[in-house]
């Protein structure tokens, strides 16, 4: 009975959280949006198909389109911004379609920092410890995951082959939302995979060495695995995923860790289907986890153990600022969360 009451309370909390704070926004693009970086309540950057980069400097009241010359046909799956002027974008795709650009003047000019020279490589995600130190990951080439790093925010170099973790046959990462790779603190990084196994790789030295842990997330098919990883401390984290070809399959699609990713425990009440991204809303007390996917969004109020549905629209990615949050998806879909802001 106590468990039933707890679940009911969480479901009702989810209803209140959704209806009080979330609202649909007018679309300013027809691109499929997959990258999002919330710098502050006022400054948010988005990226997606057709070389799309968008930025708002006023809480999302208006958006600027920031064209990247020569990138009109690229798919920007990941974006990381540090202020209103500085941002990195990662284009995902085979061979030379995988690229990294940077702007330091709010999108007026873009520097092409990296073009993938390996035909077999396909870059999925990037993450940063600070504006000068970052890391990016590609699917495996010849049995090894390929990783790049930057130590000056300008040049990207491959990590030495001896440090690169081995991949299982057909194992790869997912470029669904730019969140298959995450950093924390000054040196920790984790990336997640799918296909024949759903695994989480961890480095405590900025990618120099790696350990790997199996997880109970759904795997076995090319469309199955972990799509997003999030850590809010060196020990506490969550992974979400499932099967993107079966978006309503609500099993083995979320798990939590409290030992830095060494072991993972499935959610006792999972999200409502496949989830491509997860983020942590720190404004409520305690914080709320929100995961999004093709068939909607779910919230967890207990660190990822129990999830309840809060939306049924299709989303790809999500990010939260101090008092704002944004969910984005296909055809330029945008949903915002605002609290106590004058807009």
Protein backbone atom coordinates (compact mmCIF):
# COMPACT_ATOMS: atom_id res chain seq x y z
CA UNK A 1 0.00 0.00 0.00
CA UNK A 2 2.82 2.42 0.87
CA UNK A 3 4.39 1.86 -2.57
CA UNK A 4 1.06 2.53 -4.30
CA UNK A 5 0.64 5.76 -2.37
CA UNK A 6 4.19 6.84 -3.25
CA UNK A 7 3.66 6.21 -6.96
CA UNK A 8 0.34 8.11 -6.85
CA UNK A 9 2.03 11.08 -5.19
CA UNK A 10 4.77 11.10 -7.81
CA UNK A 11 2.30 10.88 -10.68
CA UNK A 12 0.26 13.80 -9.29
CA UNK A 13 3.48 15.77 -8.77
CA UNK A 14 4.34 15.17 -12.40
CA UNK A 15 0.95 16.49 -13.49
CA UNK A 16 1.49 19.67 -11.48
CA UNK A 17 5.07 20.09 -12.68
CA UNK A 18 4.00 19.79 -16.31
CA UNK A 19 0.89 21.95 -16.26
CA UNK A 20 2.21 24.72 -14.08
CA UNK A 21 5.51 25.36 -15.80
CA UNK A 22 5.70 23.95 -19.36
CA UNK A 23 4.34 25.59 -22.49
CA UNK A 24 4.70 25.20 -26.25
CA UNK A 25 6.62 27.89 -28.10
CA UNK A 26 6.21 29.13 -31.67
CA UNK A 27 8.58 27.35 -34.04
CA UNK A 28 11.14 29.44 -35.89
CA UNK A 29 12.52 26.62 -38.08
CA UNK A 30 11.47 23.36 -39.70
CA UNK A 31 14.79 21.71 -38.83
CA UNK A 32 15.02 18.59 -36.69
CA UNK A 33 16.52 20.02 -33.50
CA UNK A 34 18.86 17.72 -31.55
CA UNK A 35 21.52 19.92 -29.92
CA UNK A 36 20.84 22.30 -27.03
CA UNK A 37 23.00 24.28 -24.63
CA UNK A 38 21.47 26.45 -21.92
CA UNK A 39 24.09 28.98 -20.87
CA UNK A 40 21.77 30.97 -18.59
CA UNK A 41 18.11 31.84 -18.27
CA UNK A 42 18.53 34.40 -21.04
CA UNK A 43 21.05 32.72 -23.37
CA UNK A 44 20.21 29.41 -25.08
CA UNK A 45 21.77 27.85 -28.19
CA UNK A 46 20.15 25.18 -30.40
CA UNK A 47 21.36 23.10 -33.35
CA UNK A 48 19.98 20.60 -35.83
CA UNK A 49 19.61 19.49 -39.43
CA UNK A 50 20.18 21.67 -42.52
CA UNK A 51 23.17 23.29 -40.81
CA UNK A 52 20.84 24.96 -38.31
CA UNK A 53 22.17 26.98 -35.38
CA UNK A 54 19.83 29.19 -33.34
CA UNK A 55 20.47 31.50 -30.41
CA UNK A 56 18.31 33.56 -28.08
CA UNK A 57 19.57 36.38 -25.89
CA UNK A 58 16.21 37.12 -24.27
CA UNK A 59 14.71 34.02 -22.67
CA UNK A 60 13.44 32.65 -26.00
CA UNK A 61 11.25 35.62 -26.83
CA UNK A 62 13.06 35.81 -30.17
CA UNK A 63 15.65 33.63 -31.89
CA UNK A 64 18.49 34.46 -34.24
CA UNK A 65 19.47 32.12 -37.06
CA UNK A 66 23.25 31.84 -37.27
CA UNK A 67 24.28 30.35 -40.63
CA UNK A 68 27.51 28.37 -40.87
CA UNK A 69 29.08 28.89 -44.33
CA UNK A 70 29.50 25.65 -46.25
CA UNK A 71 27.51 23.66 -43.69
CA UNK A 72 24.01 23.97 -45.13
CA UNK A 73 23.65 20.20 -45.54
CA UNK A 74 25.26 19.15 -42.27
CA UNK A 75 23.45 17.71 -39.26
CA UNK A 76 24.55 19.49 -36.09
CA UNK A 77 23.74 16.92 -33.41
CA UNK A 78 25.61 18.59 -30.54
CA UNK A 79 26.27 22.12 -29.36
CA UNK A 80 28.18 23.45 -26.34
CA UNK A 81 28.07 27.14 -25.53
CA UNK A 82 29.92 29.02 -22.79
CA UNK A 83 28.42 32.48 -23.11
CA UNK A 84 26.52 34.60 -25.62
CA UNK A 85 29.54 34.72 -27.96
CA UNK A 86 31.35 31.39 -27.67
CA UNK A 87 30.04 28.03 -28.84
CA UNK A 88 31.20 24.76 -30.36
CA UNK A 89 29.02 22.70 -32.72
CA UNK A 90 29.53 19.10 -33.82
CA UNK A 91 28.19 17.75 -37.09
CA UNK A 92 27.53 14.01 -37.12
CA UNK A 93 27.85 11.85 -40.20
CA UNK A 94 30.15 9.51 -42.09
CA UNK A 95 33.57 10.65 -43.21
CA UNK A 96 33.94 14.37 -43.84
CA UNK A 97 30.38 15.07 -42.72
CA UNK A 98 31.67 14.79 -39.13
CA UNK A 99 33.08 18.21 -38.24
CA UNK A 100 33.63 20.58 -35.33
CA UNK A 101 33.16 24.35 -35.65
CA UNK A 102 33.62 27.17 -33.14
CA UNK A 103 32.45 30.76 -32.94
CA UNK A 104 33.79 33.43 -30.61
CA UNK A 105 31.69 36.33 -31.87
CA UNK A 106 28.14 35.10 -31.51
CA UNK A 107 27.97 33.29 -34.85
CA UNK A 108 29.17 36.10 -37.11
CA UNK A 109 32.17 33.95 -38.00
CA UNK A 110 32.80 30.23 -37.62
CA UNK A 111 36.15 28.45 -37.45
CA UNK A 112 36.26 24.94 -38.88
CA UNK A 113 38.43 23.23 -36.28
CA UNK A 114 38.14 19.59 -37.32
CA UNK A 115 37.06 17.60 -40.36
CA UNK A 116 36.99 13.84 -39.97
CA UNK A 117 39.58 12.26 -42.32
CA UNK A 118 38.59 8.63 -41.60
CA UNK A 119 35.82 7.28 -43.92
CA UNK A 120 34.79 4.66 -41.34
CA UNK A 121 34.46 7.14 -38.48
CA UNK A 122 31.17 8.75 -37.43
CA UNK A 123 31.33 11.31 -34.63
CA UNK A 124 28.43 11.27 -32.19
CA UNK A 125 28.96 13.62 -29.24
CA UNK A 126 31.32 16.02 -27.53
CA UNK A 127 31.65 17.33 -23.97
CA UNK A 128 33.80 19.87 -22.14
CA UNK A 129 35.39 20.28 -18.72
CA UNK A 130 35.86 23.99 -19.43
CA UNK A 131 36.03 26.24 -22.48
CA UNK A 132 39.54 25.02 -23.35
CA UNK A 133 39.39 21.33 -22.49
CA UNK A 134 36.99 19.03 -24.33
CA UNK A 135 36.57 15.57 -25.78
CA UNK A 136 34.64 14.07 -28.70
CA UNK A 137 33.80 10.48 -29.61
CA UNK A 138 33.26 8.56 -32.83
CA UNK A 139 31.88 5.10 -33.41
CA UNK A 140 34.52 2.40 -33.46
CA UNK A 141 37.02 2.02 -36.29
CA UNK A 142 38.84 -1.32 -36.59
CA UNK A 143 37.56 -2.42 -33.18
CA UNK A 144 38.47 0.72 -31.22
CA UNK A 145 36.41 3.74 -30.27
CA UNK A 146 37.96 6.91 -31.70
CA UNK A 147 38.31 9.92 -29.43
CA UNK A 148 39.57 13.46 -29.95
CA UNK A 149 40.58 15.99 -27.33
CA UNK A 150 41.37 19.68 -27.18
CA UNK A 151 43.45 21.42 -24.52
CA UNK A 152 43.27 24.93 -25.94
CA UNK A 153 39.76 25.15 -27.35
CA UNK A 154 41.19 25.51 -30.85
CA UNK A 155 42.96 22.37 -32.00
CA UNK A 156 41.69 18.79 -31.79
CA UNK A 157 44.06 15.83 -31.67
CA UNK A 158 43.35 12.09 -31.55
CA UNK A 159 43.94 10.35 -28.25
CA UNK A 160 46.80 7.88 -28.52
CA UNK A 161 45.60 4.52 -29.92
CA UNK A 162 46.90 2.63 -26.90
CA UNK A 163 44.48 4.51 -24.66
CA UNK A 164 41.41 3.93 -26.81
CA UNK A 165 38.89 1.46 -25.35
CA UNK A 166 38.04 -1.63 -27.39
CA UNK A 167 34.56 -2.00 -28.85
CA UNK A 168 32.51 -5.14 -29.30
CA UNK A 169 31.61 -6.02 -32.90
CA UNK A 170 28.92 -3.55 -34.07
CA UNK A 171 28.93 -1.66 -30.75
CA UNK A 172 28.55 2.08 -31.10
CA UNK A 173 27.37 5.33 -29.56
CA UNK A 174 24.18 7.18 -30.51
CA UNK A 175 24.15 10.73 -31.89
CA UNK A 176 20.52 11.23 -30.86
CA UNK A 177 20.91 14.30 -28.66
CA UNK A 178 24.59 15.07 -28.16
CA UNK A 179 24.48 13.47 -24.70
CA UNK A 180 26.09 10.06 -25.20
CA UNK A 181 29.26 11.61 -23.72
CA UNK A 182 29.39 13.67 -20.52
CA UNK A 183 32.04 15.26 -18.31
CA UNK A 184 32.08 16.15 -14.62
CA UNK A 185 34.50 18.12 -12.46
CA UNK A 186 37.98 18.65 -13.83
CA UNK A 187 38.88 15.20 -15.20
CA UNK A 188 35.99 12.69 -15.24
CA UNK A 189 34.22 11.59 -18.43
CA UNK A 190 31.70 8.88 -19.29
CA UNK A 191 30.33 7.68 -22.61
CA UNK A 192 27.56 5.18 -23.29
CA UNK A 193 26.98 2.62 -26.04
CA UNK A 194 24.44 0.30 -27.59
CA UNK A 195 23.98 -2.49 -30.09
CA UNK A 196 25.24 -5.88 -28.88
CA UNK A 197 25.68 -4.49 -25.35
CA UNK A 198 24.71 -1.39 -23.39
CA UNK A 199 27.91 -0.31 -21.68
CA UNK A 200 29.28 2.76 -19.89
CA UNK A 201 32.95 3.71 -20.24
CA UNK A 202 34.59 5.92 -17.61
CA UNK A 203 37.82 7.91 -17.55
CA UNK A 204 39.10 9.80 -14.51
CA UNK A 205 42.05 11.35 -16.36
CA UNK A 206 40.49 13.17 -19.32
CA UNK A 207 40.51 10.16 -21.60
CA UNK A 208 44.00 8.85 -21.02
CA UNK A 209 42.72 5.56 -19.56
CA UNK A 210 39.29 3.93 -19.46
CA UNK A 211 37.29 1.34 -17.54
CA UNK A 212 34.03 -0.19 -18.73
CA UNK A 213 30.88 -1.45 -17.00
CA UNK A 214 27.99 -3.52 -18.32
CA UNK A 215 24.49 -2.18 -17.65
CA UNK A 216 21.03 -3.79 -17.63
CA UNK A 217 19.68 -1.41 -20.31
CA UNK A 218 17.99 -3.10 -23.28
CA UNK A 219 20.51 -4.25 -25.91
CA UNK A 220 21.11 -6.87 -28.57
CA UNK A 221 19.85 -5.02 -31.64
CA UNK A 222 21.41 -2.12 -33.53
CA UNK A 223 18.53 0.14 -32.46
CA UNK A 224 18.87 -0.65 -28.75
CA UNK A 225 21.09 0.62 -25.97
CA UNK A 226 21.96 3.72 -23.97
CA UNK A 227 21.30 7.02 -25.73
CA UNK A 228 22.04 9.54 -22.97
CA UNK A 229 24.18 9.67 -19.84
CA UNK A 230 24.11 12.25 -17.03
CA UNK A 231 26.15 12.69 -13.85
CA UNK A 232 25.43 15.34 -11.21
CA UNK A 233 28.24 14.23 -8.90
CA UNK A 234 31.30 12.04 -9.27
CA UNK A 235 29.24 9.13 -7.92
CA UNK A 236 25.59 9.77 -8.88
CA UNK A 237 24.29 9.42 -12.40
CA UNK A 238 21.54 8.13 -14.68
CA UNK A 239 21.36 6.57 -18.14
CA UNK A 240 18.35 6.37 -20.46
CA UNK A 241 17.68 4.68 -23.77
CA UNK A 242 15.75 1.68 -25.02
CA UNK A 243 14.85 0.88 -28.63
CA UNK A 244 14.25 3.81 -30.99
CA UNK A 245 12.47 1.50 -33.45
CA UNK A 246 10.00 0.59 -30.69
CA UNK A 247 9.42 3.98 -29.05
CA UNK A 248 6.54 2.74 -26.85
CA UNK A 249 8.52 -0.13 -25.33
CA UNK A 250 8.74 0.86 -21.68
CA UNK A 251 11.22 -1.60 -20.23
CA UNK A 252 14.93 -1.62 -19.40
CA UNK A 253 15.25 1.98 -20.57
CA UNK A 254 16.60 3.76 -17.47
CA UNK A 255 19.12 2.93 -14.74
CA UNK A 256 20.96 4.71 -11.94
CA UNK A 257 24.39 4.51 -10.33
CA UNK A 258 25.77 5.70 -7.01
CA UNK A 259 29.34 4.47 -7.41
CA UNK A 260 30.54 6.49 -10.38
CA UNK A 261 29.22 4.07 -13.00
CA UNK A 262 30.78 0.84 -11.74
CA UNK A 263 27.34 -0.70 -11.21
CA UNK A 264 23.88 0.20 -12.51
CA UNK A 265 20.37 -0.55 -11.22
CA UNK A 266 17.26 -0.46 -13.41
CA UNK A 267 14.50 2.01 -12.57
CA UNK A 268 11.72 0.32 -10.63
CA UNK A 269 9.12 2.25 -12.66
CA UNK A 270 10.71 3.11 -16.03
CA UNK A 271 9.95 5.98 -18.41
CA UNK A 272 7.04 5.52 -20.82
CA UNK A 273 9.20 4.47 -23.77
CA UNK A 274 12.49 4.96 -25.57
CA UNK A 275 14.31 8.05 -24.31
CA UNK A 276 17.01 9.91 -26.25
CA UNK A 277 18.07 12.49 -23.64
CA UNK A 278 17.94 13.18 -19.92
CA UNK A 279 18.62 16.38 -17.95
CA UNK A 280 18.36 17.55 -14.35
CA UNK A 281 16.17 20.47 -13.32
CA UNK A 282 17.84 21.89 -10.22
CA UNK A 283 15.36 24.66 -9.53
CA UNK A 284 12.86 22.49 -7.62
CA UNK A 285 13.84 21.09 -4.25
CA UNK A 286 14.70 18.30 -4.51
CA UNK A 287 15.82 18.45 -8.18
CA UNK A 288 13.81 16.70 -10.90
CA UNK A 289 15.15 14.47 -13.68
CA UNK A 290 13.37 14.77 -17.04
CA UNK A 291 13.88 12.33 -19.93
CA UNK A 292 12.55 12.88 -23.46
CA UNK A 293 11.96 10.74 -26.53
CA UNK A 294 9.82 10.04 -29.55
CA UNK A 295 6.61 9.45 -27.58
CA UNK A 296 6.97 12.15 -24.93
CA UNK A 297 8.69 13.06 -21.68
CA UNK A 298 8.88 11.63 -18.17
CA UNK A 299 9.97 13.08 -14.83
CA UNK A 300 11.60 11.44 -11.83
CA UNK A 301 11.52 13.00 -8.37
CA UNK A 302 13.69 10.40 -6.63
CA UNK A 303 16.89 10.42 -8.68
CA UNK A 304 15.75 8.09 -11.46
CA UNK A 305 14.07 5.18 -9.68
CA UNK A 306 10.43 6.03 -10.45
CA UNK A 307 9.32 7.91 -13.57
CA UNK A 308 5.95 9.43 -14.52
CA UNK A 309 4.76 10.82 -17.84
CA UNK A 310 4.53 14.62 -18.20
CA UNK A 311 4.19 15.06 -22.00
CA UNK A 312 3.20 13.15 -25.16
CA UNK A 313 4.82 15.30 -27.85
CA UNK A 314 7.91 14.09 -29.74
CA UNK A 315 11.23 15.42 -28.45
CA UNK A 316 14.92 14.76 -29.08
CA UNK A 317 16.83 16.80 -26.52
CA UNK A 318 16.47 18.75 -23.29
CA UNK A 319 18.47 21.20 -21.19
CA UNK A 320 17.87 23.24 -18.03
CA UNK A 321 19.21 26.57 -16.82
CA UNK A 322 18.85 28.12 -13.36
CA UNK A 323 15.16 28.95 -13.85
CA UNK A 324 14.44 27.87 -17.40
CA UNK A 325 14.30 24.66 -19.38
CA UNK A 326 13.91 23.77 -23.04
CA UNK A 327 12.70 20.62 -24.79
CA UNK A 328 13.30 20.47 -28.55
CA UNK A 329 12.40 18.07 -31.34
CA UNK A 330 11.42 17.58 -34.99
CA UNK A 331 10.05 20.34 -37.21
CA UNK A 332 11.56 22.92 -34.90
CA UNK A 333 9.42 21.91 -31.92
CA UNK A 334 10.21 23.91 -28.78
CA UNK A 335 8.69 23.63 -25.33
CA UNK A 336 9.89 25.88 -22.52
CA UNK A 337 9.83 25.78 -18.76
CA UNK A 338 9.91 29.17 -17.03
CA UNK A 339 9.59 29.99 -13.36
CA UNK A 340 9.19 33.45 -11.90
CA UNK A 341 10.57 35.15 -14.98
CA UNK A 342 9.22 38.31 -16.54
CA UNK A 343 9.12 37.66 -20.28
